[in-house]
Protein backbone atom coordinates (compact mmCIF):
# COMPACT_ATOMS: atom_id res chain seq x y z
CA UNK A 1 -36.45 -6.55 -158.75
CA UNK A 2 -36.11 -6.69 -154.84
CA UNK A 3 -37.84 -3.96 -152.72
CA UNK A 4 -35.41 -1.76 -150.87
CA UNK A 5 -36.31 -1.68 -147.27
CA UNK A 6 -35.39 1.24 -144.96
CA UNK A 7 -35.04 0.10 -141.43
CA UNK A 8 -37.70 2.18 -139.57
CA UNK A 9 -39.67 -0.13 -137.13
CA UNK A 10 -40.67 -3.85 -136.80
CA UNK A 11 -43.78 -4.87 -134.99
CA UNK A 12 -45.00 -8.29 -134.26
CA UNK A 13 -46.43 -9.31 -131.02
CA UNK A 14 -44.74 -11.56 -128.74
CA UNK A 15 -41.57 -11.46 -130.90
CA UNK A 16 -38.44 -10.35 -129.46
CA UNK A 17 -36.18 -7.69 -131.68
CA UNK A 18 -32.98 -5.99 -131.20
CA UNK A 19 -31.12 -3.39 -133.09
CA UNK A 20 -27.49 -3.67 -132.87
CA UNK A 21 -25.40 -0.87 -134.03
CA UNK A 22 -21.68 -1.26 -134.02
CA UNK A 23 -18.58 0.74 -135.06
CA UNK A 24 -16.07 -1.77 -136.40
CA UNK A 25 -12.62 -1.86 -137.31
CA UNK A 26 -12.75 -2.05 -141.19
CA UNK A 27 -11.12 -5.27 -141.99
CA UNK A 28 -11.55 -8.62 -144.19
CA UNK A 29 -13.73 -11.04 -142.02
CA UNK A 30 -15.64 -8.17 -139.96
CA UNK A 31 -19.00 -9.15 -140.84
CA UNK A 32 -18.27 -12.87 -140.63
CA UNK A 33 -17.31 -12.42 -137.20
CA UNK A 34 -20.26 -10.54 -136.08
CA UNK A 35 -22.80 -12.88 -137.78
CA UNK A 36 -21.01 -16.00 -135.93
CA UNK A 37 -21.38 -14.39 -132.53
CA UNK A 38 -25.12 -13.67 -133.27
CA UNK A 39 -25.57 -17.22 -134.65
CA UNK A 40 -24.12 -18.74 -131.48
CA UNK A 41 -27.00 -17.05 -129.52
CA UNK A 42 -29.79 -17.94 -131.90
CA UNK A 43 -30.19 -14.72 -133.52
CA UNK A 44 -31.70 -14.35 -137.10
CA UNK A 45 -30.53 -11.41 -138.95
CA UNK A 46 -33.54 -9.69 -140.53
CA UNK A 47 -32.32 -6.71 -142.20
CA UNK A 48 -29.45 -4.01 -141.72
CA UNK A 49 -27.36 -1.48 -143.50
CA UNK A 50 -23.61 -0.70 -143.45
CA UNK A 51 -21.61 2.53 -143.95
CA UNK A 52 -18.13 3.01 -144.21
CA UNK A 53 -16.99 6.54 -143.78
CA UNK A 54 -13.13 6.06 -143.25
CA UNK A 55 -10.89 3.29 -144.43
CA UNK A 56 -9.85 2.36 -140.89
CA UNK A 57 -13.65 1.82 -139.44
CA UNK A 58 -17.16 1.47 -140.34
CA UNK A 59 -20.79 1.35 -138.98
CA UNK A 60 -22.92 -1.70 -138.88
CA UNK A 61 -26.46 -1.83 -137.82
CA UNK A 62 -28.59 -4.73 -138.06
CA UNK A 63 -32.20 -5.51 -136.77
CA UNK A 64 -32.45 -9.20 -135.53
CA UNK A 65 -34.83 -11.48 -133.68
CA UNK A 66 -34.10 -13.75 -130.80
CA UNK A 67 -34.99 -17.37 -131.08
CA UNK A 68 -34.05 -17.68 -127.39
CA UNK A 69 -36.67 -15.91 -125.14
CA UNK A 70 -33.96 -15.70 -122.43
CA UNK A 71 -31.89 -13.20 -124.64
CA UNK A 72 -31.79 -9.75 -123.65
CA UNK A 73 -29.96 -6.59 -124.55
CA UNK A 74 -27.43 -7.06 -121.68
CA UNK A 75 -26.66 -10.66 -122.87
CA UNK A 76 -26.20 -9.62 -126.35
CA UNK A 77 -23.78 -6.76 -125.33
CA UNK A 78 -21.53 -9.35 -123.71
CA UNK A 79 -21.58 -11.54 -126.51
CA UNK A 80 -20.72 -8.88 -129.11
CA UNK A 81 -17.97 -7.65 -126.84
CA UNK A 82 -16.08 -10.74 -127.78
CA UNK A 83 -15.37 -9.31 -131.12
CA UNK A 84 -11.78 -8.22 -131.64
CA UNK A 85 -13.31 -5.66 -134.23
CA UNK A 86 -15.60 -4.09 -131.89
CA UNK A 87 -14.84 -0.36 -131.05
CA UNK A 88 -18.20 0.85 -129.80
CA UNK A 89 -21.44 -0.68 -129.59
CA UNK A 90 -25.41 0.19 -129.04
CA UNK A 91 -28.06 -2.65 -128.33
CA UNK A 92 -31.58 -1.63 -127.93
CA UNK A 93 -34.54 -4.07 -127.20
CA UNK A 94 -38.09 -4.40 -128.47
CA UNK A 95 -41.08 -3.80 -125.98
CA UNK A 96 -44.31 -5.81 -126.68
CA UNK A 97 -42.86 -6.96 -130.09
CA UNK A 98 -42.24 -3.53 -131.34
CA UNK A 99 -38.82 -1.83 -131.93
CA UNK A 100 -38.12 1.43 -133.45
CA UNK A 101 -34.73 2.49 -134.80
CA UNK A 102 -33.78 5.28 -132.63
CA UNK A 103 -30.19 4.91 -132.80
CA UNK A 104 -29.26 6.02 -136.25
CA UNK A 105 -30.21 9.73 -137.02
CA UNK A 106 -30.39 11.59 -139.12
CA UNK A 107 -31.28 9.99 -142.46
CA UNK A 108 -28.82 10.49 -145.15
CA UNK A 109 -29.78 10.14 -148.68
CA UNK A 110 -28.51 11.04 -152.34
CA UNK A 111 -25.63 13.16 -152.53
CA UNK A 112 -24.90 12.84 -148.64
CA UNK A 113 -27.87 15.23 -148.12
CA UNK A 114 -30.21 14.77 -145.12
CA UNK A 115 -33.10 13.04 -145.99
CA UNK A 116 -36.82 12.74 -144.49
CA UNK A 117 -38.77 9.54 -145.35
CA UNK A 118 -42.17 10.12 -146.13
CA UNK A 119 -44.66 7.46 -147.46
CA UNK A 120 -46.04 7.66 -151.05
CA UNK A 121 -49.52 8.00 -149.84
CA UNK A 122 -48.69 10.95 -147.50
CA UNK A 123 -46.87 12.68 -150.45
CA UNK A 124 -49.97 12.20 -152.82
CA UNK A 125 -52.49 13.27 -150.01
CA UNK A 126 -50.33 16.51 -149.51
CA UNK A 127 -50.37 17.37 -153.23
CA UNK A 128 -54.20 16.58 -153.36
CA UNK A 129 -54.59 18.67 -150.31
CA UNK A 130 -53.01 21.75 -151.90
CA UNK A 131 -54.47 21.26 -155.21
CA UNK A 132 -57.86 20.98 -153.56
CA UNK A 133 -57.34 24.33 -151.84
CA UNK A 134 -55.44 26.36 -154.72
CA UNK A 135 -56.46 24.70 -157.92
CA UNK A 136 -54.40 25.56 -160.98
CA UNK A 137 -52.02 27.63 -159.14
CA UNK A 138 -51.24 24.70 -156.85
CA UNK A 139 -50.50 22.83 -159.84
CA UNK A 140 -48.19 25.22 -161.17
CA UNK A 141 -46.53 25.61 -157.96
CA UNK A 142 -45.98 21.77 -157.77
CA UNK A 143 -45.02 21.45 -161.41
CA UNK A 144 -42.48 24.23 -160.72
CA UNK A 145 -41.09 22.39 -157.69
CA UNK A 146 -40.57 19.41 -159.88
CA UNK A 147 -38.70 21.47 -162.39
CA UNK A 148 -36.48 22.74 -159.86
CA UNK A 149 -35.70 19.34 -158.39
CA UNK A 150 -35.02 17.84 -161.97
CA UNK A 151 -32.93 20.63 -163.00
CA UNK A 152 -30.89 20.85 -159.59
CA UNK A 153 -30.00 16.94 -159.82
CA UNK A 154 -29.08 16.95 -163.39
CA UNK A 155 -26.74 19.96 -162.73
CA UNK A 156 -25.11 18.10 -159.96
CA UNK A 157 -24.51 14.93 -162.15
CA UNK A 158 -23.78 16.63 -165.34
CA UNK A 159 -20.08 15.98 -164.82
CA UNK A 160 -20.55 12.37 -164.97
CA UNK A 161 -23.15 12.20 -167.50
CA UNK A 162 -23.04 13.02 -171.41
CA UNK A 163 -25.87 14.47 -173.32
CA UNK A 164 -27.20 11.26 -175.16
CA UNK A 165 -29.86 8.83 -174.48
CA UNK A 166 -27.74 6.48 -172.26
CA UNK A 167 -26.88 9.35 -170.03
CA UNK A 168 -30.53 10.45 -169.65
CA UNK A 169 -31.51 6.57 -169.02
CA UNK A 170 -28.49 6.52 -166.29
CA UNK A 171 -30.03 9.91 -164.71
CA UNK A 172 -33.64 8.36 -164.54
CA UNK A 173 -32.22 5.34 -162.54
CA UNK A 174 -31.70 7.90 -159.65
CA UNK A 175 -35.45 8.12 -159.35
CA UNK A 176 -35.66 4.44 -159.00
CA UNK A 177 -33.03 4.67 -156.36
CA UNK A 178 -35.02 6.96 -154.05
CA UNK A 179 -38.16 5.01 -154.85
CA UNK A 180 -39.90 7.63 -156.82
CA UNK A 181 -40.34 5.39 -160.18
CA UNK A 182 -39.01 3.27 -162.60
CA UNK A 183 -38.51 5.15 -165.93
CA UNK A 184 -37.21 4.24 -169.19
CA UNK A 185 -36.25 6.54 -172.26
CA UNK A 186 -38.25 4.99 -175.16
CA UNK A 187 -37.28 7.81 -177.52
CA UNK A 188 -34.67 10.37 -177.73
CA UNK A 189 -33.89 13.00 -180.21
CA UNK A 190 -31.18 15.41 -180.05
CA UNK A 191 -31.43 17.46 -183.26
CA UNK A 192 -35.05 18.59 -182.52
CA UNK A 193 -34.61 17.77 -178.83
CA UNK A 194 -37.64 15.30 -177.68
CA UNK A 195 -37.96 12.53 -175.26
CA UNK A 196 -40.61 9.87 -174.78
CA UNK A 197 -40.36 8.44 -171.31
CA UNK A 198 -42.34 5.31 -169.82
CA UNK A 199 -42.80 5.11 -166.28
CA UNK A 200 -43.81 2.28 -163.89
CA UNK A 201 -44.90 2.67 -160.24
CA UNK A 202 -44.84 6.37 -160.38
CA UNK A 203 -45.75 7.37 -156.59
CA UNK A 204 -48.11 10.20 -157.71
CA UNK A 205 -50.41 7.96 -159.76
CA UNK A 206 -50.14 4.18 -158.09
CA UNK A 207 -52.91 3.17 -156.08
CA UNK A 208 -55.32 5.95 -157.06
CA UNK A 209 -57.93 6.47 -159.91
CA UNK A 210 -58.69 9.74 -162.15
CA UNK A 211 -60.30 10.83 -164.97
CA UNK A 212 -57.29 12.60 -165.93
CA UNK A 213 -53.33 12.17 -166.14
CA UNK A 214 -52.52 12.31 -162.63
CA UNK A 215 -48.62 13.46 -162.61
CA UNK A 216 -47.66 16.97 -161.77
CA UNK A 217 -44.39 16.90 -159.74
CA UNK A 218 -42.65 14.10 -161.91
CA UNK A 219 -43.73 16.05 -164.94
CA UNK A 220 -41.82 18.93 -163.65
CA UNK A 221 -38.75 16.85 -162.95
CA UNK A 222 -38.93 15.55 -166.59
CA UNK A 223 -39.08 19.09 -167.83
CA UNK A 224 -36.34 20.33 -165.54
CA UNK A 225 -33.90 17.81 -166.22
CA UNK A 226 -34.53 17.68 -169.97
CA UNK A 227 -33.86 21.44 -169.73
CA UNK A 228 -30.76 21.15 -168.40
CA UNK A 229 -29.82 18.16 -170.97
CA UNK A 230 -30.76 20.27 -174.13
CA UNK A 231 -29.87 23.90 -172.94
CA UNK A 232 -33.16 25.28 -173.64
CA UNK A 233 -36.53 25.24 -171.80
CA UNK A 234 -38.83 21.97 -172.06
CA UNK A 235 -42.15 20.87 -171.02
CA UNK A 236 -43.50 17.39 -170.38
CA UNK A 237 -46.95 16.13 -170.89
CA UNK A 238 -48.35 13.14 -169.54
CA UNK A 239 -50.16 10.94 -172.49
CA UNK A 240 -50.77 7.61 -170.56
CA UNK A 241 -51.43 7.30 -166.79
CA UNK A 242 -52.00 4.23 -164.63
CA UNK A 243 -54.33 6.33 -162.59
CA UNK A 244 -56.67 6.39 -165.56
CA UNK A 245 -56.23 2.50 -166.42
CA UNK A 246 -53.22 2.49 -168.56
CA UNK A 247 -50.54 -0.25 -168.10
CA UNK A 248 -47.67 2.56 -167.66
CA UNK A 249 -47.36 6.18 -167.51
CA UNK A 250 -46.01 7.81 -170.66
CA UNK A 251 -44.63 11.43 -170.88
CA UNK A 252 -43.42 13.42 -174.08
CA UNK A 253 -41.02 16.11 -173.41
CA UNK A 254 -40.79 18.76 -175.91
CA UNK A 255 -39.45 22.34 -176.24
CA UNK A 256 -41.94 24.66 -174.62
CA UNK A 257 -42.64 26.79 -177.89
CA UNK A 258 -44.04 23.44 -179.47
CA UNK A 259 -46.48 22.90 -176.96
C-alpha cells in the first residue's frame, strides 16, 4: 500500500528544489509536454498534484529537483513558456535546500471542503491534553465530536450507499483516504444491529502505549455512522488496541440499550 504524500515542504541541504504551478489547457498530451520540457533541463519530478475544475483547463503543481546547479526560477519560467498549453505559471525556488509550498492555498479535502493539515502526533497530544485537564468530561466531549463527525459524513454519503455490509465497508474507506485509519468490517448484522470492525494504524493508538484501549474519537465516529446506518442510537466499545499490545484495534458496535 503506497503512502499518500501531501506536498508541504522539502528540506535537503545543498539541494535545489522548485515548486512549479501551472494553469494549462486541458488537452491530450499536456502532462507529456510539461514533463518533456522539464526533462530537457535535467529536472527530476519528485511529487505533485493535478486539479481539473473545468473541462477546458486544469492546474498542475509539481515539486522538482534540479540536477544542473545553474538552473534557477527565471530559466525555468522561460523554458516552460515554450508550452503551447500554458495559460499561467508560478515558479518558486528553494533557499538553502528548503522549499515550502506557498503557492497553493487553501487546502481542500473531502466534499470540496477546506481542510487543515495536522500531524497525528499533534492530534493525539491535543486529545491527551484535554483529557488530562478535564478527565471523563473531556472523553465524553471527544467521543461526542466523533459521533457528530461520523453521523454527518454518513448523511452526506447515504445517497450513494445502501444499508448493508458492503456499504459500511465503502464508507469506512473514506477514513483510509483521509489518513485516519484502515478499517475493515469483520461482522455485520442488520436484524439485531451490530458491527465488529478491525482497524489498522488508527492515529489515536499508533505509536503510543497504554494500559487500556486508547481510542475515543474514532469510537465515536463508528457509533455515529452506525446510528445513521441502522436508524437507532448505537454505541462503540474498543475491545483490542494496538496501544495495549494487540496487533489491531477492534471495535464492537451495538445498540445503546445493550451496553
